[in-house]
Amino acid sequence: MGIVSIDDDLHEQVRRASKVSCRSINAQAAYWIKVGMLCETNPGLSFAQIMERELSSAGVLPPTLAQSSPLRIEAA
């Protein structure tokens, strides 16, 4: 594992995003780095297409609308 230096403002954005995404700060930064690399190396694909390919390659099948149940978010 290596150390990457980023400016304080970017670190704050990573910290905030990590809370929303329920990831550690390091996991959020790694996710953004991986997505950025995938976007740069696949400029002809949209973010949605890239994510669909990544999920599919991991064996995650998206539910169809008829199969999915409504997402319920309850206030804490």
PDB file of N, CA and C in Angstrom:
ATOM      1  N   MET A   1       0.849  -1.161   0.000  1.00  0.00           N
ATOM      2  CA  MET A   1       0.000   0.000   0.000  1.00  0.00           C
ATOM      3  C   MET A   1       0.897   1.226   0.000  1.00  0.00           C
ATOM      4  N   GLY A   2       0.514   2.232  -0.763  1.00  0.00           N
ATOM      5  CA  GLY A   2       1.283   3.462  -0.838  1.00  0.00           C
ATOM      6  C   GLY A   2       0.515   4.633  -0.258  1.00  0.00           C
ATOM      7  N   ILE A   3       1.185   5.742  -0.194  1.00  0.00           N
ATOM      8  CA  ILE A   3       0.575   6.969   0.312  1.00  0.00           C
ATOM      9  C   ILE A   3       0.440   7.930  -0.857  1.00  0.00           C
ATOM     10  N   VAL A   4      -0.724   8.556  -0.980  1.00  0.00           N
ATOM     11  CA  VAL A   4      -0.980   9.539  -2.019  1.00  0.00           C
ATOM     12  C   VAL A   4      -1.284  10.860  -1.331  1.00  0.00           C
ATOM     13  N   SER A   5      -0.592  11.907  -1.738  1.00  0.00           N
ATOM     14  CA  SER A   5      -0.841  13.230  -1.165  1.00  0.00           C
ATOM     15  C   SER A   5      -1.870  13.962  -2.015  1.00  0.00           C
ATOM     16  N   ILE A   6      -2.910  14.465  -1.371  1.00  0.00           N
ATOM     17  CA  ILE A   6      -3.920  15.273  -2.053  1.00  0.00           C
ATOM     18  C   ILE A   6      -4.135  16.536  -1.235  1.00  0.00           C
ATOM     19  N   ASP A   7      -4.664  17.579  -1.883  1.00  0.00           N
ATOM     20  CA  ASP A   7      -4.859  18.820  -1.143  1.00  0.00           C
ATOM     21  C   ASP A   7      -6.015  18.690  -0.155  1.00  0.00           C
ATOM     22  N   ASP A   8      -6.060  19.598   0.781  1.00  0.00           N
ATOM     23  CA  ASP A   8      -7.045  19.524   1.861  1.00  0.00           C
ATOM     24  C   ASP A   8      -8.483  19.600   1.364  1.00  0.00           C
ATOM     25  N   ASP A   9      -8.733  20.427   0.341  1.00  0.00           N
ATOM     26  CA  ASP A   9     -10.101  20.557  -0.179  1.00  0.00           C
ATOM     27  C   ASP A   9     -10.585  19.246  -0.793  1.00  0.00           C
ATOM     28  N   LEU A  10      -9.730  18.590  -1.557  1.00  0.00           N
ATOM     29  CA  LEU A  10     -10.112  17.307  -2.151  1.00  0.00           C
ATOM     30  C   LEU A  10     -10.316  16.257  -1.066  1.00  0.00           C
ATOM     31  N   HIS A  11      -9.457  16.256  -0.065  1.00  0.00           N
ATOM     32  CA  HIS A  11      -9.609  15.308   1.046  1.00  0.00           C
ATOM     33  C   HIS A  11     -10.954  15.511   1.737  1.00  0.00           C
ATOM     34  N   GLU A  12     -11.359  16.757   1.907  1.00  0.00           N
ATOM     35  CA  GLU A  12     -12.646  17.038   2.544  1.00  0.00           C
ATOM     36  C   GLU A  12     -13.796  16.508   1.689  1.00  0.00           C
ATOM     37  N   GLN A  13     -13.699  16.647   0.367  1.00  0.00           N
ATOM     38  CA  GLN A  13     -14.733  16.124  -0.523  1.00  0.00           C
ATOM     39  C   GLN A  13     -14.785  14.599  -0.455  1.00  0.00           C
ATOM     40  N   VAL A  14     -13.629  13.964  -0.394  1.00  0.00           N
ATOM     41  CA  VAL A  14     -13.582  12.502  -0.270  1.00  0.00           C
ATOM     42  C   VAL A  14     -14.218  12.080   1.049  1.00  0.00           C
ATOM     43  N   ARG A  15     -13.900  12.799   2.120  1.00  0.00           N
ATOM     44  CA  ARG A  15     -14.458  12.477   3.438  1.00  0.00           C
ATOM     45  C   ARG A  15     -15.982  12.578   3.420  1.00  0.00           C
ATOM     46  N   ARG A  16     -16.499  13.654   2.837  1.00  0.00           N
ATOM     47  CA  ARG A  16     -17.960  13.839   2.775  1.00  0.00           C
ATOM     48  C   ARG A  16     -18.621  12.754   1.930  1.00  0.00           C
ATOM     49  N   ALA A  17     -18.037  12.467   0.773  1.00  0.00           N
ATOM     50  CA  ALA A  17     -18.599  11.435  -0.106  1.00  0.00           C
ATOM     51  C   ALA A  17     -18.549  10.068   0.552  1.00  0.00           C
ATOM     52  N   SER A  18     -17.510   9.821   1.347  1.00  0.00           N
ATOM     53  CA  SER A  18     -17.387   8.511   1.992  1.00  0.00           C
ATOM     54  C   SER A  18     -18.515   8.272   2.985  1.00  0.00           C
ATOM     55  N   LYS A  19     -18.967   9.325   3.641  1.00  0.00           N
ATOM     56  CA  LYS A  19     -20.088   9.181   4.579  1.00  0.00           C
ATOM     57  C   LYS A  19     -21.367   8.814   3.834  1.00  0.00           C
ATOM     58  N   VAL A  20     -21.616   9.502   2.739  1.00  0.00           N
ATOM     59  CA  VAL A  20     -22.828   9.250   1.955  1.00  0.00           C
ATOM     60  C   VAL A  20     -22.805   7.846   1.361  1.00  0.00           C
ATOM     61  N   SER A  21     -21.635   7.406   0.920  1.00  0.00           N
ATOM     62  CA  SER A  21     -21.494   6.106   0.263  1.00  0.00           C
ATOM     63  C   SER A  21     -21.244   4.955   1.227  1.00  0.00           C
ATOM     64  N   CYS A  22     -21.181   5.252   2.524  1.00  0.00           N
ATOM     65  CA  CYS A  22     -20.906   4.227   3.548  1.00  0.00           C
ATOM     66  C   CYS A  22     -19.601   3.488   3.254  1.00  0.00           C
ATOM     67  N   ARG A  23     -18.577   4.248   2.873  1.00  0.00           N
ATOM     68  CA  ARG A  23     -17.249   3.702   2.625  1.00  0.00           C
ATOM     69  C   ARG A  23     -16.261   4.406   3.546  1.00  0.00           C
ATOM     70  N   SER A  24     -15.124   3.777   3.758  1.00  0.00           N
ATOM     71  CA  SER A  24     -14.049   4.474   4.461  1.00  0.00           C
ATOM     72  C   SER A  24     -13.507   5.562   3.529  1.00  0.00           C
ATOM     73  N   ILE A  25     -12.773   6.498   4.083  1.00  0.00           N
ATOM     74  CA  ILE A  25     -12.175   7.544   3.253  1.00  0.00           C
ATOM     75  C   ILE A  25     -11.251   6.913   2.214  1.00  0.00           C
ATOM     76  N   ASN A  26     -10.442   5.947   2.625  1.00  0.00           N
ATOM     77  CA  ASN A  26      -9.539   5.280   1.679  1.00  0.00           C
ATOM     78  C   ASN A  26     -10.308   4.532   0.600  1.00  0.00           C
ATOM     79  N   ALA A  27     -11.387   3.851   0.977  1.00  0.00           N
ATOM     80  CA  ALA A  27     -12.185   3.111  -0.007  1.00  0.00           C
ATOM     81  C   ALA A  27     -12.847   4.066  -0.993  1.00  0.00           C
ATOM     82  N   GLN A  28     -13.307   5.232  -0.519  1.00  0.00           N
ATOM     83  CA  GLN A  28     -13.926   6.217  -1.410  1.00  0.00           C
ATOM     84  C   GLN A  28     -12.899   6.755  -2.398  1.00  0.00           C
ATOM     85  N   ALA A  29     -11.711   7.082  -1.903  1.00  0.00           N
ATOM     86  CA  ALA A  29     -10.654   7.576  -2.790  1.00  0.00           C
ATOM     87  C   ALA A  29     -10.283   6.509  -3.821  1.00  0.00           C
ATOM     88  N   ALA A  30     -10.155   5.269  -3.387  1.00  0.00           N
ATOM     89  CA  ALA A  30      -9.825   4.179  -4.309  1.00  0.00           C
ATOM     90  C   ALA A  30     -10.918   4.003  -5.358  1.00  0.00           C
ATOM     91  N   TYR A  31     -12.174   4.124  -4.943  1.00  0.00           N
ATOM     92  CA  TYR A  31     -13.302   4.005  -5.879  1.00  0.00           C
ATOM     93  C   TYR A  31     -13.231   5.108  -6.937  1.00  0.00           C
ATOM     94  N   TRP A  32     -13.035   6.347  -6.489  1.00  0.00           N
ATOM     95  CA  TRP A  32     -12.947   7.455  -7.438  1.00  0.00           C
ATOM     96  C   TRP A  32     -11.762   7.295  -8.378  1.00  0.00           C
ATOM     97  N   ILE A  33     -10.642   6.806  -7.869  1.00  0.00           N
ATOM     98  CA  ILE A  33      -9.474   6.587  -8.723  1.00  0.00           C
ATOM     99  C   ILE A  33      -9.782   5.523  -9.773  1.00  0.00           C
ATOM    100  N   LYS A  34     -10.400   4.426  -9.353  1.00  0.00           N
ATOM    101  CA  LYS A  34     -10.720   3.350 -10.301  1.00  0.00           C
ATOM    102  C   LYS A  34     -11.719   3.829 -11.351  1.00  0.00           C
ATOM    103  N   VAL A  35     -12.757   4.531 -10.926  1.00  0.00           N
ATOM    104  CA  VAL A  35     -13.752   5.038 -11.875  1.00  0.00           C
ATOM    105  C   VAL A  35     -13.100   6.028 -12.838  1.00  0.00           C
ATOM    106  N   GLY A  36     -12.245   6.886 -12.322  1.00  0.00           N
ATOM    107  CA  GLY A  36     -11.542   7.838 -13.183  1.00  0.00           C
ATOM    108  C   GLY A  36     -10.682   7.147 -14.222  1.00  0.00           C
ATOM    109  N   MET A  37      -9.972   6.111 -13.797  1.00  0.00           N
ATOM    110  CA  MET A  37      -9.143   5.347 -14.734  1.00  0.00           C
ATOM    111  C   MET A  37     -10.004   4.674 -15.794  1.00  0.00           C
ATOM    112  N   LEU A  38     -11.123   4.085 -15.370  1.00  0.00           N
ATOM    113  CA  LEU A  38     -12.016   3.426 -16.325  1.00  0.00           C
ATOM    114  C   LEU A  38     -12.596   4.432 -17.315  1.00  0.00           C
ATOM    115  N   CYS A  39     -12.951   5.622 -16.842  1.00  0.00           N
ATOM    116  CA  CYS A  39     -13.499   6.654 -17.731  1.00  0.00           C
ATOM    117  C   CYS A  39     -12.445   7.142 -18.723  1.00  0.00           C
ATOM    118  N   GLU A  40     -11.224   7.342 -18.248  1.00  0.00           N
ATOM    119  CA  GLU A  40     -10.156   7.798 -19.142  1.00  0.00           C
ATOM    120  C   GLU A  40      -9.793   6.752 -20.191  1.00  0.00           C
ATOM    121  N   THR A  41      -9.821   5.493 -19.813  1.00  0.00           N
ATOM    122  CA  THR A  41      -9.429   4.445 -20.758  1.00  0.00           C
ATOM    123  C   THR A  41     -10.582   3.963 -21.630  1.00  0.00           C
ATOM    124  N   ASN A  42     -11.791   4.426 -21.343  1.00  0.00           N
ATOM    125  CA  ASN A  42     -12.977   4.080 -22.137  1.00  0.00           C
ATOM    126  C   ASN A  42     -13.773   5.345 -22.444  1.00  0.00           C
ATOM    127  N   PRO A  43     -13.179   6.293 -23.188  1.00  0.00           N
ATOM    128  CA  PRO A  43     -13.843   7.584 -23.399  1.00  0.00           C
ATOM    129  C   PRO A  43     -15.147   7.504 -24.187  1.00  0.00           C
ATOM    130  N   GLY A  44     -15.365   6.426 -24.893  1.00  0.00           N
ATOM    131  CA  GLY A  44     -16.590   6.280 -25.675  1.00  0.00           C
ATOM    132  C   GLY A  44     -17.772   5.751 -24.884  1.00  0.00           C
ATOM    133  N   LEU A  45     -17.538   5.382 -23.623  1.00  0.00           N
ATOM    134  CA  LEU A  45     -18.609   4.829 -22.792  1.00  0.00           C
ATOM    135  C   LEU A  45     -19.074   5.848 -21.763  1.00  0.00           C
ATOM    136  N   SER A  46     -20.355   5.819 -21.464  1.00  0.00           N
ATOM    137  CA  SER A  46     -20.884   6.672 -20.402  1.00  0.00           C
ATOM    138  C   SER A  46     -20.560   6.045 -19.046  1.00  0.00           C
ATOM    139  N   PHE A  47     -20.709   6.825 -17.998  1.00  0.00           N
ATOM    140  CA  PHE A  47     -20.499   6.305 -16.648  1.00  0.00           C
ATOM    141  C   PHE A  47     -21.426   5.119 -16.402  1.00  0.00           C
ATOM    142  N   ALA A  48     -22.688   5.239 -16.824  1.00  0.00           N
ATOM    143  CA  ALA A  48     -23.658   4.157 -16.620  1.00  0.00           C
ATOM    144  C   ALA A  48     -23.216   2.883 -17.343  1.00  0.00           C
ATOM    145  N   GLN A  49     -22.693   3.023 -18.550  1.00  0.00           N
ATOM    146  CA  GLN A  49     -22.228   1.848 -19.298  1.00  0.00           C
ATOM    147  C   GLN A  49     -21.022   1.207 -18.616  1.00  0.00           C
ATOM    148  N   ILE A  50     -20.120   2.028 -18.130  1.00  0.00           N
ATOM    149  CA  ILE A  50     -18.947   1.501 -17.429  1.00  0.00           C
ATOM    150  C   ILE A  50     -19.373   0.753 -16.180  1.00  0.00           C
ATOM    151  N   MET A  51     -20.277   1.332 -15.404  1.00  0.00           N
ATOM    152  CA  MET A  51     -20.730   0.682 -14.176  1.00  0.00           C
ATOM    153  C   MET A  51     -21.480  -0.607 -14.488  1.00  0.00           C
ATOM    154  N   GLU A  52     -22.279  -0.603 -15.544  1.00  0.00           N
ATOM    155  CA  GLU A  52     -23.001  -1.816 -15.938  1.00  0.00           C
ATOM    156  C   GLU A  52     -22.020  -2.935 -16.284  1.00  0.00           C
ATOM    157  N   ARG A  53     -20.962  -2.603 -17.010  1.00  0.00           N
ATOM    158  CA  ARG A  53     -19.949  -3.608 -17.369  1.00  0.00           C
ATOM    159  C   ARG A  53     -19.214  -4.122 -16.135  1.00  0.00           C
ATOM    160  N   GLU A  54     -18.865  -3.222 -15.227  1.00  0.00           N
ATOM    161  CA  GLU A  54     -18.152  -3.629 -14.014  1.00  0.00           C
ATOM    162  C   GLU A  54     -19.029  -4.539 -13.151  1.00  0.00           C
ATOM    163  N   LEU A  55     -20.288  -4.167 -12.977  1.00  0.00           N
ATOM    164  CA  LEU A  55     -21.203  -4.990 -12.183  1.00  0.00           C
ATOM    165  C   LEU A  55     -21.422  -6.347 -12.845  1.00  0.00           C
ATOM    166  N   SER A  56     -21.587  -6.335 -14.156  1.00  0.00           N
ATOM    167  CA  SER A  56     -21.790  -7.586 -14.884  1.00  0.00           C
ATOM    168  C   SER A  56     -20.569  -8.500 -14.758  1.00  0.00           C
ATOM    169  N   SER A  57     -19.379  -7.917 -14.862  1.00  0.00           N
ATOM    170  CA  SER A  57     -18.170  -8.742 -14.761  1.00  0.00           C
ATOM    171  C   SER A  57     -17.989  -9.309 -13.357  1.00  0.00           C
ATOM    172  N   ALA A  58     -18.616  -8.671 -12.363  1.00  0.00           N
ATOM    173  CA  ALA A  58     -18.566  -9.180 -10.984  1.00  0.00           C
ATOM    174  C   ALA A  58     -19.712 -10.144 -10.702  1.00  0.00           C
ATOM    175  N   GLY A  59     -20.569 -10.378 -11.709  1.00  0.00           N
ATOM    176  CA  GLY A  59     -21.674 -11.311 -11.532  1.00  0.00           C
ATOM    177  C   GLY A  59     -22.917 -10.705 -10.916  1.00  0.00           C
ATOM    178  N   VAL A  60     -22.973  -9.375 -10.870  1.00  0.00           N
ATOM    179  CA  VAL A  60     -24.150  -8.702 -10.309  1.00  0.00           C
ATOM    180  C   VAL A  60     -25.133  -8.455 -11.442  1.00  0.00           C
ATOM    181  N   LEU A  61     -26.329  -9.002 -11.303  1.00  0.00           N
ATOM    182  CA  LEU A  61     -27.355  -8.843 -12.326  1.00  0.00           C
ATOM    183  C   LEU A  61     -28.363  -7.798 -11.872  1.00  0.00           C
ATOM    184  N   PRO A  62     -28.591  -6.777 -12.695  1.00  0.00           N
ATOM    185  CA  PRO A  62     -29.561  -5.758 -12.295  1.00  0.00           C
ATOM    186  C   PRO A  62     -30.979  -6.311 -12.364  1.00  0.00           C
ATOM    187  N   PRO A  63     -31.808  -6.005 -11.376  1.00  0.00           N
ATOM    188  CA  PRO A  63     -33.194  -6.471 -11.425  1.00  0.00           C
ATOM    189  C   PRO A  63     -33.981  -5.672 -12.456  1.00  0.00           C
ATOM    190  N   THR A  64     -34.994  -6.291 -13.014  1.00  0.00           N
ATOM    191  CA  THR A  64     -35.886  -5.543 -13.890  1.00  0.00           C
ATOM    192  C   THR A  64     -36.877  -4.801 -13.011  1.00  0.00           C
ATOM    193  N   LEU A  65     -37.543  -3.832 -13.561  1.00  0.00           N
ATOM    194  CA  LEU A  65     -38.489  -3.049 -12.768  1.00  0.00           C
ATOM    195  C   LEU A  65     -39.601  -3.911 -12.195  1.00  0.00           C
ATOM    196  N   ALA A  66     -40.027  -4.922 -12.938  1.00  0.00           N
ATOM    197  CA  ALA A  66     -41.094  -5.791 -12.452  1.00  0.00           C
ATOM    198  C   ALA A  66     -40.632  -6.640 -11.271  1.00  0.00           C
ATOM    199  N   GLN A  67     -39.335  -6.958 -11.203  1.00  0.00           N
ATOM    200  CA  GLN A  67     -38.809  -7.802 -10.140  1.00  0.00           C
ATOM    201  C   GLN A  67     -38.407  -7.021  -8.898  1.00  0.00           C
ATOM    202  N   SER A  68     -38.036  -5.778  -9.081  1.00  0.00           N
ATOM    203  CA  SER A  68     -37.505  -5.030  -7.944  1.00  0.00           C
ATOM    204  C   SER A  68     -38.625  -4.548  -7.036  1.00  0.00           C
ATOM    205  N   SER A  69     -38.306  -4.477  -5.771  1.00  0.00           N
ATOM    206  CA  SER A  69     -39.259  -3.932  -4.814  1.00  0.00           C
ATOM    207  C   SER A  69     -38.880  -2.482  -4.550  1.00  0.00           C
ATOM    208  N   PRO A  70     -39.832  -1.668  -4.143  1.00  0.00           N
ATOM    209  CA  PRO A  70     -39.529  -0.256  -3.911  1.00  0.00           C
ATOM    210  C   PRO A  70     -38.485  -0.097  -2.807  1.00  0.00           C
ATOM    211  N   LEU A  71     -37.605   0.842  -3.013  1.00  0.00           N
ATOM    212  CA  LEU A  71     -36.583   1.145  -2.014  1.00  0.00           C
ATOM    213  C   LEU A  71     -37.206   2.031  -0.949  1.00  0.00           C
ATOM    214  N   ARG A  72     -37.087   1.599   0.282  1.00  0.00           N
ATOM    215  CA  ARG A  72     -37.624   2.389   1.388  1.00  0.00           C
ATOM    216  C   ARG A  72     -36.471   2.905   2.226  1.00  0.00           C
ATOM    217  N   ILE A  73     -36.457   4.198   2.404  1.00  0.00           N
ATOM    218  CA  ILE A  73     -35.440   4.820   3.240  1.00  0.00           C
ATOM    219  C   ILE A  73     -36.149   5.444   4.424  1.00  0.00           C
ATOM    220  N   GLU A  74     -35.778   4.970   5.597  1.00  0.00           N
ATOM    221  CA  GLU A  74     -36.403   5.483   6.806  1.00  0.00           C
ATOM    222  C   GLU A  74     -35.457   6.433   7.507  1.00  0.00           C
ATOM    223  N   ALA A  75     -36.016   7.470   8.059  1.00  0.00           N
ATOM    224  CA  ALA A  75     -35.211   8.442   8.799  1.00  0.00           C
ATOM    225  C   ALA A  75     -34.687   7.801  10.075  1.00  0.00           C
ATOM    226  N   ALA A  76     -33.461   8.137  10.399  1.00  0.00           N
ATOM    227  CA  ALA A  76     -32.847   7.569  11.607  1.00  0.00           C
ATOM    228  C   ALA A  76     -33.238   8.351  12.841  1.00  0.00           C
TER     229      ALA A  76
END
